[in-house]
Full PDB file with SEQRES, HELIX, SHEET, SSBOND, CRYST1, ORIGX, SCALE, CONECT and MASTER records, all heavy atoms in Angstrom:
SEQRES   1 A   27  SER SER PHE ARG GLY ILE VAL LEU ALA ALA ASP GLU GLY          
SEQRES   2 A   27  ILE ALA ILE ALA LYS ALA LEU GLY GLN LYS LYS ALA ALA          
SEQRES   3 A   27  LEU                                                          
HELIX    1 AA1 ALA A   10  LEU A   20  1                                  11    
CRYST1    1.000    1.000    1.000  90.00  90.00  90.00 P 1           1          
ORIGX1      1.000000  0.000000  0.000000        0.00000                         
ORIGX2      0.000000  1.000000  0.000000        0.00000                         
ORIGX3      0.000000  0.000000  1.000000        0.00000                         
SCALE1      1.000000  0.000000  0.000000        0.00000                         
SCALE2      0.000000  1.000000  0.000000        0.00000                         
SCALE3      0.000000  0.000000  1.000000        0.00000                         
ATOM      1  N   SER A   1      75.206 104.030  94.438  1.00  0.00           N  
ATOM      2  CA  SER A   1      75.132 104.119  95.885  1.00  0.00           C  
ATOM      3  C   SER A   1      75.739 102.891  96.591  1.00  0.00           C  
ATOM      4  O   SER A   1      75.638 102.767  97.835  1.00  0.00           O  
ATOM      5  CB  SER A   1      73.676 104.273  96.342  1.00  0.00           C  
ATOM      6  OG  SER A   1      72.897 103.190  95.864  1.00  0.00           O  
ATOM      7  N   SER A   2      76.386 102.017  95.837  1.00  0.00           N  
ATOM      8  CA  SER A   2      76.922 100.772  96.423  1.00  0.00           C  
ATOM      9  C   SER A   2      78.458 100.800  96.624  1.00  0.00           C  
ATOM     10  O   SER A   2      79.060  99.787  96.750  1.00  0.00           O  
ATOM     11  CB  SER A   2      76.555  99.611  95.524  1.00  0.00           C  
ATOM     12  OG  SER A   2      75.167  99.511  95.346  1.00  0.00           O  
ATOM     13  N   PHE A   3      79.057 101.993  96.642  1.00  0.00           N  
ATOM     14  CA  PHE A   3      80.501 102.064  96.755  1.00  0.00           C  
ATOM     15  C   PHE A   3      80.949 101.406  98.074  1.00  0.00           C  
ATOM     16  O   PHE A   3      80.461 101.707  99.164  1.00  0.00           O  
ATOM     17  CB  PHE A   3      80.935 103.530  96.757  1.00  0.00           C  
ATOM     18  CG  PHE A   3      82.416 103.740  96.876  1.00  0.00           C  
ATOM     19  CD1 PHE A   3      83.289 103.197  95.928  1.00  0.00           C  
ATOM     20  CD2 PHE A   3      82.949 104.423  97.943  1.00  0.00           C  
ATOM     21  CE1 PHE A   3      84.634 103.376  96.046  1.00  0.00           C  
ATOM     22  CE2 PHE A   3      84.303 104.588  98.065  1.00  0.00           C  
ATOM     23  CZ  PHE A   3      85.173 104.060  97.136  1.00  0.00           C  
ATOM     24  N   ARG A   4      81.915 100.487  97.945  1.00  0.00           N  
ATOM     25  CA  ARG A   4      82.405  99.752  99.080  1.00  0.00           C  
ATOM     26  C   ARG A   4      83.761 100.217  99.586  1.00  0.00           C  
ATOM     27  O   ARG A   4      84.311  99.659 100.518  1.00  0.00           O  
ATOM     28  CB  ARG A   4      82.421  98.257  98.752  1.00  0.00           C  
ATOM     29  CG  ARG A   4      81.039  97.709  98.566  1.00  0.00           C  
ATOM     30  CD  ARG A   4      81.105  96.307  98.050  1.00  0.00           C  
ATOM     31  NE  ARG A   4      81.674  96.406  96.693  1.00  0.00           N  
ATOM     32  CZ  ARG A   4      81.384  95.594  95.683  1.00  0.00           C  
ATOM     33  NH1 ARG A   4      80.584  94.596  95.875  1.00  0.00           N  
ATOM     34  NH2 ARG A   4      81.905  95.777  94.486  1.00  0.00           N  
ATOM     35  N   GLY A   5      84.340 101.199  98.904  1.00  0.00           N  
ATOM     36  CA  GLY A   5      85.584 101.791  99.402  1.00  0.00           C  
ATOM     37  C   GLY A   5      86.870 101.226  98.830  1.00  0.00           C  
ATOM     38  O   GLY A   5      87.931 101.718  99.131  1.00  0.00           O  
ATOM     39  N   ILE A   6      86.829 100.212  98.005  1.00  0.00           N  
ATOM     40  CA  ILE A   6      88.025  99.606  97.456  1.00  0.00           C  
ATOM     41  C   ILE A   6      88.065  99.830  95.979  1.00  0.00           C  
ATOM     42  O   ILE A   6      87.526  99.068  95.163  1.00  0.00           O  
ATOM     43  CB  ILE A   6      88.128  98.092  97.795  1.00  0.00           C  
ATOM     44  CG1 ILE A   6      87.984  97.882  99.284  1.00  0.00           C  
ATOM     45  CG2 ILE A   6      89.433  97.516  97.266  1.00  0.00           C  
ATOM     46  CD1 ILE A   6      87.923  96.444  99.679  1.00  0.00           C  
ATOM     47  N   VAL A   7      88.637 100.967  95.555  1.00  0.00           N  
ATOM     48  CA  VAL A   7      88.618 101.371  94.138  1.00  0.00           C  
ATOM     49  C   VAL A   7      89.506 100.516  93.271  1.00  0.00           C  
ATOM     50  O   VAL A   7      89.373 100.493  92.038  1.00  0.00           O  
ATOM     51  CB  VAL A   7      88.964 102.850  93.968  1.00  0.00           C  
ATOM     52  CG1 VAL A   7      87.916 103.708  94.603  1.00  0.00           C  
ATOM     53  CG2 VAL A   7      90.366 103.141  94.465  1.00  0.00           C  
ATOM     54  N   LEU A   8      90.453  99.780  93.855  1.00  0.00           N  
ATOM     55  CA  LEU A   8      91.308  98.965  93.046  1.00  0.00           C  
ATOM     56  C   LEU A   8      90.805  97.544  92.841  1.00  0.00           C  
ATOM     57  O   LEU A   8      91.452  96.743  92.203  1.00  0.00           O  
ATOM     58  CB  LEU A   8      92.748  98.925  93.671  1.00  0.00           C  
ATOM     59  CG  LEU A   8      93.440 100.271  93.735  1.00  0.00           C  
ATOM     60  CD1 LEU A   8      94.797 100.131  94.395  1.00  0.00           C  
ATOM     61  CD2 LEU A   8      93.577 100.892  92.359  1.00  0.00           C  
ATOM     62  N   ALA A   9      89.636  97.261  93.383  1.00  0.00           N  
ATOM     63  CA  ALA A   9      89.009  95.965  93.158  1.00  0.00           C  
ATOM     64  C   ALA A   9      88.304  95.925  91.805  1.00  0.00           C  
ATOM     65  O   ALA A   9      87.536  96.836  91.494  1.00  0.00           O  
ATOM     66  CB  ALA A   9      88.019  95.673  94.286  1.00  0.00           C  
ATOM     67  N   ALA A  10      88.592  94.896  91.016  1.00  0.00           N  
ATOM     68  CA  ALA A  10      88.020  94.800  89.657  1.00  0.00           C  
ATOM     69  C   ALA A  10      86.467  94.782  89.703  1.00  0.00           C  
ATOM     70  O   ALA A  10      85.832  95.395  88.880  1.00  0.00           O  
ATOM     71  CB  ALA A  10      88.524  93.523  88.982  1.00  0.00           C  
ATOM     72  N   ASP A  11      85.911  94.107  90.703  1.00  0.00           N  
ATOM     73  CA  ASP A  11      84.448  94.007  90.747  1.00  0.00           C  
ATOM     74  C   ASP A  11      83.786  95.360  91.080  1.00  0.00           C  
ATOM     75  O   ASP A  11      82.698  95.679  90.653  1.00  0.00           O  
ATOM     76  CB  ASP A  11      84.018  92.955  91.765  1.00  0.00           C  
ATOM     77  CG  ASP A  11      84.463  93.183  93.176  1.00  0.00           C  
ATOM     78  OD1 ASP A  11      85.497  93.846  93.358  1.00  0.00           O  
ATOM     79  OD2 ASP A  11      83.785  92.678  94.101  1.00  0.00           O  
ATOM     80  N   GLU A  12      84.514  96.244  91.803  1.00  0.00           N  
ATOM     81  CA  GLU A  12      83.988  97.580  92.063  1.00  0.00           C  
ATOM     82  C   GLU A  12      83.901  98.383  90.783  1.00  0.00           C  
ATOM     83  O   GLU A  12      82.912  99.039  90.490  1.00  0.00           O  
ATOM     84  CB  GLU A  12      84.857  98.307  93.088  1.00  0.00           C  
ATOM     85  CG  GLU A  12      84.304  99.627  93.509  1.00  0.00           C  
ATOM     86  CD  GLU A  12      83.074  99.531  94.432  1.00  0.00           C  
ATOM     87  OE1 GLU A  12      82.952  98.506  95.122  1.00  0.00           O  
ATOM     88  OE2 GLU A  12      82.279 100.430  94.400  1.00  0.00           O  
ATOM     89  N   GLY A  13      84.959  98.333  89.972  1.00  0.00           N  
ATOM     90  CA  GLY A  13      84.954  99.027  88.697  1.00  0.00           C  
ATOM     91  C   GLY A  13      83.823  98.514  87.741  1.00  0.00           C  
ATOM     92  O   GLY A  13      83.159  99.308  87.086  1.00  0.00           O  
ATOM     93  N   ILE A  14      83.656  97.206  87.710  1.00  0.00           N  
ATOM     94  CA  ILE A  14      82.620  96.626  86.892  1.00  0.00           C  
ATOM     95  C   ILE A  14      81.215  97.044  87.351  1.00  0.00           C  
ATOM     96  O   ILE A  14      80.370  97.368  86.541  1.00  0.00           O  
ATOM     97  CB  ILE A  14      82.747  95.072  86.859  1.00  0.00           C  
ATOM     98  CG1 ILE A  14      84.033  94.671  86.147  1.00  0.00           C  
ATOM     99  CG2 ILE A  14      81.528  94.392  86.265  1.00  0.00           C  
ATOM    100  CD1 ILE A  14      84.428  93.221  86.345  1.00  0.00           C  
ATOM    101  N   ALA A  15      81.018  97.116  88.652  1.00  0.00           N  
ATOM    102  CA  ALA A  15      79.745  97.532  89.234  1.00  0.00           C  
ATOM    103  C   ALA A  15      79.470  99.006  88.881  1.00  0.00           C  
ATOM    104  O   ALA A  15      78.325  99.407  88.560  1.00  0.00           O  
ATOM    105  CB  ALA A  15      79.715  97.313  90.732  1.00  0.00           C  
ATOM    106  N   ILE A  16      80.484  99.855  88.922  1.00  0.00           N  
ATOM    107  CA  ILE A  16      80.309 101.263  88.585  1.00  0.00           C  
ATOM    108  C   ILE A  16      79.994 101.387  87.109  1.00  0.00           C  
ATOM    109  O   ILE A  16      79.090 102.158  86.718  1.00  0.00           O  
ATOM    110  CB  ILE A  16      81.562 102.082  88.967  1.00  0.00           C  
ATOM    111  CG1 ILE A  16      81.682 102.180  90.512  1.00  0.00           C  
ATOM    112  CG2 ILE A  16      81.562 103.446  88.299  1.00  0.00           C  
ATOM    113  CD1 ILE A  16      82.996 102.744  90.999  1.00  0.00           C  
ATOM    114  N   ALA A  17      80.705 100.679  86.249  1.00  0.00           N  
ATOM    115  CA  ALA A  17      80.446 100.720  84.824  1.00  0.00           C  
ATOM    116  C   ALA A  17      79.028 100.256  84.512  1.00  0.00           C  
ATOM    117  O   ALA A  17      78.334 100.827  83.649  1.00  0.00           O  
ATOM    118  CB  ALA A  17      81.443  99.883  84.026  1.00  0.00           C  
ATOM    119  N   LYS A  18      78.570  99.259  85.210  1.00  0.00           N  
ATOM    120  CA  LYS A  18      77.195  98.763  85.002  1.00  0.00           C  
ATOM    121  C   LYS A  18      76.178  99.763  85.433  1.00  0.00           C  
ATOM    122  O   LYS A  18      75.192 100.037  84.756  1.00  0.00           O  
ATOM    123  CB  LYS A  18      76.988  97.450  85.788  1.00  0.00           C  
ATOM    124  CG  LYS A  18      75.624  96.840  85.573  1.00  0.00           C  
ATOM    125  CD  LYS A  18      75.509  95.484  86.309  1.00  0.00           C  
ATOM    126  CE  LYS A  18      74.130  94.923  86.103  1.00  0.00           C  
ATOM    127  NZ  LYS A  18      73.967  93.648  86.823  1.00  0.00           N  
ATOM    128  N   ALA A  19      76.427 100.439  86.551  1.00  0.00           N  
ATOM    129  CA  ALA A  19      75.503 101.470  87.021  1.00  0.00           C  
ATOM    130  C   ALA A  19      75.490 102.697  86.068  1.00  0.00           C  
ATOM    131  O   ALA A  19      74.455 103.290  85.828  1.00  0.00           O  
ATOM    132  CB  ALA A  19      75.921 101.964  88.446  1.00  0.00           C  
ATOM    133  N   LEU A  20      76.648 103.031  85.500  1.00  0.00           N  
ATOM    134  CA  LEU A  20      76.745 104.118  84.564  1.00  0.00           C  
ATOM    135  C   LEU A  20      75.900 103.803  83.299  1.00  0.00           C  
ATOM    136  O   LEU A  20      75.233 104.669  82.760  1.00  0.00           O  
ATOM    137  CB  LEU A  20      78.187 104.377  84.184  1.00  0.00           C  
ATOM    138  CG  LEU A  20      78.448 105.431  83.107  1.00  0.00           C  
ATOM    139  CD1 LEU A  20      78.063 106.821  83.598  1.00  0.00           C  
ATOM    140  CD2 LEU A  20      79.921 105.389  82.730  1.00  0.00           C  
ATOM    141  N   GLY A  21      75.980 102.554  82.895  1.00  0.00           N  
ATOM    142  CA  GLY A  21      75.260 102.143  81.661  1.00  0.00           C  
ATOM    143  C   GLY A  21      75.657 103.012  80.476  1.00  0.00           C  
ATOM    144  O   GLY A  21      76.822 103.183  80.231  1.00  0.00           O  
ATOM    145  N   GLN A  22      74.668 103.541  79.768  1.00  0.00           N  
ATOM    146  CA  GLN A  22      74.936 104.366  78.561  1.00  0.00           C  
ATOM    147  C   GLN A  22      74.912 105.868  78.904  1.00  0.00           C  
ATOM    148  O   GLN A  22      74.937 106.682  77.995  1.00  0.00           O  
ATOM    149  CB  GLN A  22      73.908 104.034  77.504  1.00  0.00           C  
ATOM    150  CG  GLN A  22      74.005 102.629  76.948  1.00  0.00           C  
ATOM    151  CD  GLN A  22      75.410 102.357  76.346  1.00  0.00           C  
ATOM    152  OE1 GLN A  22      75.863 103.117  75.511  1.00  0.00           O  
ATOM    153  NE2 GLN A  22      76.040 101.315  76.802  1.00  0.00           N  
ATOM    154  N   LYS A  23      74.890 106.216  80.178  1.00  0.00           N  
ATOM    155  CA  LYS A  23      74.856 107.611  80.575  1.00  0.00           C  
ATOM    156  C   LYS A  23      76.238 108.274  80.489  1.00  0.00           C  
ATOM    157  O   LYS A  23      77.244 107.582  80.411  1.00  0.00           O  
ATOM    158  CB  LYS A  23      74.292 107.733  81.965  1.00  0.00           C  
ATOM    159  CG  LYS A  23      72.830 107.161  82.034  1.00  0.00           C  
ATOM    160  CD  LYS A  23      72.270 107.322  83.415  1.00  0.00           C  
ATOM    161  CE  LYS A  23      70.910 106.687  83.601  1.00  0.00           C  
ATOM    162  NZ  LYS A  23      69.922 106.915  82.630  1.00  0.00           N  
ATOM    163  N   LYS A  24      76.259 109.611  80.502  1.00  0.00           N  
ATOM    164  CA  LYS A  24      77.522 110.344  80.386  1.00  0.00           C  
ATOM    165  C   LYS A  24      78.121 110.705  81.740  1.00  0.00           C  
ATOM    166  O   LYS A  24      79.257 111.188  81.774  1.00  0.00           O  
ATOM    167  CB  LYS A  24      77.340 111.586  79.518  1.00  0.00           C  
ATOM    168  CG  LYS A  24      76.447 112.656  80.140  1.00  0.00           C  
ATOM    169  CD  LYS A  24      76.357 113.851  79.224  1.00  0.00           C  
ATOM    170  CE  LYS A  24      75.236 114.760  79.643  1.00  0.00           C  
ATOM    171  NZ  LYS A  24      74.512 115.307  78.490  1.00  0.00           N  
ATOM    172  N   ALA A  25      77.402 110.475  82.817  1.00  0.00           N  
ATOM    173  CA  ALA A  25      77.915 110.913  84.108  1.00  0.00           C  
ATOM    174  C   ALA A  25      77.372 109.995  85.213  1.00  0.00           C  
ATOM    175  O   ALA A  25      76.318 109.372  85.076  1.00  0.00           O  
ATOM    176  CB  ALA A  25      77.519 112.359  84.406  1.00  0.00           C  
ATOM    177  N   ALA A  26      78.138 109.958  86.297  1.00  0.00           N  
ATOM    178  CA  ALA A  26      77.687 109.210  87.515  1.00  0.00           C  
ATOM    179  C   ALA A  26      78.108 109.940  88.754  1.00  0.00           C  
ATOM    180  O   ALA A  26      79.200 110.521  88.807  1.00  0.00           O  
ATOM    181  CB  ALA A  26      78.266 107.801  87.496  1.00  0.00           C  
ATOM    182  N   LEU A  27      77.257 109.926  89.728  1.00  0.00           N  
ATOM    183  CA  LEU A  27      77.530 110.375  91.074  1.00  0.00           C  
ATOM    184  C   LEU A  27      77.892 109.148  91.874  1.00  0.00           C  
ATOM    185  O   LEU A  27      77.061 108.267  92.030  1.00  0.00           O  
ATOM    186  CB  LEU A  27      76.315 111.108  91.686  1.00  0.00           C  
ATOM    187  CG  LEU A  27      75.784 112.307  90.910  1.00  0.00           C  
ATOM    188  CD1 LEU A  27      74.433 112.735  91.476  1.00  0.00           C  
ATOM    189  CD2 LEU A  27      76.768 113.418  90.889  1.00  0.00           C  
TER     190      LEU A  27                                                      
MASTER        0    0    0    1    0    0    0    6  189    1    0    3          
END                                                                             
């Protein structure tokens, strides 16, 4: 739920990967 709108920012990708954790899907 923390999407900031800049998908090309490295920190955004890292935050998404962290939120995904070991799960197979993310909204």
